[in-house]
């Protein structure tokens, strides 16, 4: 399984970025899987950012990003997105896309990174003040 994130970069406070994640090599079709975004800042634990169900109709967000970030997916392209707006310096982290081990998108799943497998290498997002 190959998971590849892209779209990170350096942005000023209040700016926007869109992250993308392409997935290939899954056992089942991409739209059989709920998907999630996590992030990890230096010296901190991995934090659940957002997840989306297989169809894209149901989403969950971590409290720190609710109202600013939007997760979406294009099943025809095997691609997951994270639109980030009103970025803050505390959003600075490496952002990871992940496929769950059969778990479904939920607030509980976002608090349990171990429920996710097939992680990408991550993409760095840096928000300058």
Protein backbone atom coordinates (compact mmCIF):
# COMPACT_ATOMS: atom_id res chain seq x y z
CA UNK A 1 0.00 0.00 0.00
CA UNK A 2 1.33 3.41 -0.95
CA UNK A 3 0.08 6.57 0.76
CA UNK A 4 1.49 9.87 -0.46
CA UNK A 5 0.71 13.29 0.97
CA UNK A 6 1.44 16.57 -0.79
CA UNK A 7 0.59 20.25 -0.62
CA UNK A 8 2.38 21.31 2.53
CA UNK A 9 4.48 24.45 2.74
CA UNK A 10 5.12 27.73 4.50
CA UNK A 11 2.18 30.09 4.95
CA UNK A 12 1.49 33.17 7.01
CA UNK A 13 -1.00 33.31 9.85
CA UNK A 14 -4.50 33.53 8.45
CA UNK A 15 -3.54 31.90 5.19
CA UNK A 16 -4.81 28.73 3.53
CA UNK A 17 -3.39 25.50 2.18
CA UNK A 18 -4.90 22.40 0.60
CA UNK A 19 -3.31 19.05 1.31
CA UNK A 20 -3.80 16.04 -0.92
CA UNK A 21 -3.27 12.34 -0.28
CA UNK A 22 -3.27 9.67 -2.95
CA UNK A 23 -3.59 6.01 -2.01
CA UNK A 24 -2.80 2.96 -4.10
CA UNK A 25 -2.41 -0.76 -3.59
CA UNK A 26 -5.29 -1.26 -1.18
CA UNK A 27 -6.85 -4.71 -0.94
CA UNK A 28 -10.31 -3.29 -1.59
CA UNK A 29 -11.42 -0.23 -3.58
CA UNK A 30 -10.57 3.15 -2.09
CA UNK A 31 -14.23 3.89 -1.46
CA UNK A 32 -14.47 0.88 0.84
CA UNK A 33 -12.41 2.75 3.42
CA UNK A 34 -13.02 5.62 5.75
CA UNK A 35 -9.96 7.90 5.81
CA UNK A 36 -8.26 10.23 8.26
CA UNK A 37 -5.80 13.09 8.63
CA UNK A 38 -3.48 13.36 11.63
CA UNK A 39 -0.71 15.76 12.52
CA UNK A 40 2.32 15.73 14.78
CA UNK A 41 4.24 18.74 16.02
CA UNK A 42 7.77 18.42 17.43
CA UNK A 43 7.70 17.03 20.94
CA UNK A 44 3.99 16.33 20.85
CA UNK A 45 1.85 13.25 20.35
CA UNK A 46 0.14 12.52 17.06
CA UNK A 47 -3.20 14.33 16.98
CA UNK A 48 -6.32 13.43 15.04
CA UNK A 49 -7.33 16.28 12.73
CA UNK A 50 -10.26 14.99 10.69
CA UNK A 51 -11.78 11.88 9.22
CA UNK A 52 -14.34 11.13 6.54
CA UNK A 53 -16.49 8.11 5.83
CA UNK A 54 -16.27 6.08 2.64
CA UNK A 55 -18.79 8.18 0.71
CA UNK A 56 -17.64 11.57 1.91
CA UNK A 57 -21.00 12.33 3.49
CA UNK A 58 -19.96 12.04 7.14
CA UNK A 59 -17.03 13.85 8.69
CA UNK A 60 -15.52 14.43 12.11
CA UNK A 61 -13.04 17.06 13.23
CA UNK A 62 -10.74 17.64 16.14
CA UNK A 63 -11.79 20.54 18.34
CA UNK A 64 -8.71 22.58 17.47
CA UNK A 65 -9.54 22.68 13.74
CA UNK A 66 -13.32 22.62 13.72
CA UNK A 67 -14.73 25.42 11.56
CA UNK A 68 -11.36 26.08 9.87
CA UNK A 69 -10.49 22.80 8.14
CA UNK A 70 -12.55 20.77 5.69
CA UNK A 71 -11.88 17.15 4.77
CA UNK A 72 -13.14 15.74 1.49
CA UNK A 73 -12.41 12.94 -0.94
CA UNK A 74 -12.60 12.10 -4.62
CA UNK A 75 -13.12 8.36 -4.85
CA UNK A 76 -12.69 8.36 -8.62
CA UNK A 77 -9.14 9.65 -8.09
CA UNK A 78 -8.32 7.66 -4.92
CA UNK A 79 -7.55 11.00 -3.31
CA UNK A 80 -8.21 12.55 0.06
CA UNK A 81 -8.05 16.31 0.68
CA UNK A 82 -7.70 18.64 3.63
CA UNK A 83 -8.58 22.28 2.99
CA UNK A 84 -7.04 24.39 5.75
CA UNK A 85 -8.08 27.99 6.29
CA UNK A 86 -7.43 30.66 8.93
CA UNK A 87 -4.19 28.93 9.74
CA UNK A 88 -2.49 29.61 13.07
CA UNK A 89 1.12 29.07 14.19
CA UNK A 90 -0.11 26.22 16.40
CA UNK A 91 -1.19 24.37 13.24
CA UNK A 92 2.49 23.92 12.39
CA UNK A 93 3.14 20.17 12.18
CA UNK A 94 3.77 17.26 9.87
CA UNK A 95 0.42 16.18 8.46
CA UNK A 96 -0.27 12.52 7.77
CA UNK A 97 -2.93 10.71 5.84
CA UNK A 98 -3.95 7.28 7.14
CA UNK A 99 -6.17 4.31 6.32
CA UNK A 100 -7.92 2.74 9.30
CA UNK A 101 -7.66 -0.92 10.34
CA UNK A 102 -11.34 -1.48 9.70
CA UNK A 103 -12.26 1.33 12.08
CA UNK A 104 -14.88 3.81 11.02
CA UNK A 105 -14.63 7.58 11.09
CA UNK A 106 -15.56 8.79 14.57
CA UNK A 107 -14.35 11.12 17.29
CA UNK A 108 -13.11 8.02 19.09
CA UNK A 109 -11.08 6.95 16.05
CA UNK A 110 -9.43 10.37 15.83
CA UNK A 111 -8.20 9.94 19.40
CA UNK A 112 -6.69 6.54 18.61
CA UNK A 113 -3.99 6.70 15.92
CA UNK A 114 -3.25 3.02 16.56
CA UNK A 115 -6.58 2.23 14.89
CA UNK A 116 -5.04 3.46 11.63
CA UNK A 117 -2.50 1.69 9.46
CA UNK A 118 -0.86 2.46 6.12
CA UNK A 119 0.54 5.88 6.97
CA UNK A 120 2.19 8.17 4.48
CA UNK A 121 5.50 9.93 5.00
CA UNK A 122 3.76 13.16 5.86
CA UNK A 123 3.91 16.70 4.53
CA UNK A 124 5.24 19.64 6.55
CA UNK A 125 2.99 22.61 7.20
CA UNK A 126 4.60 25.67 8.75
CA UNK A 127 2.56 28.72 9.74
CA UNK A 128 4.57 31.83 10.44
CA UNK A 129 3.38 34.48 12.87
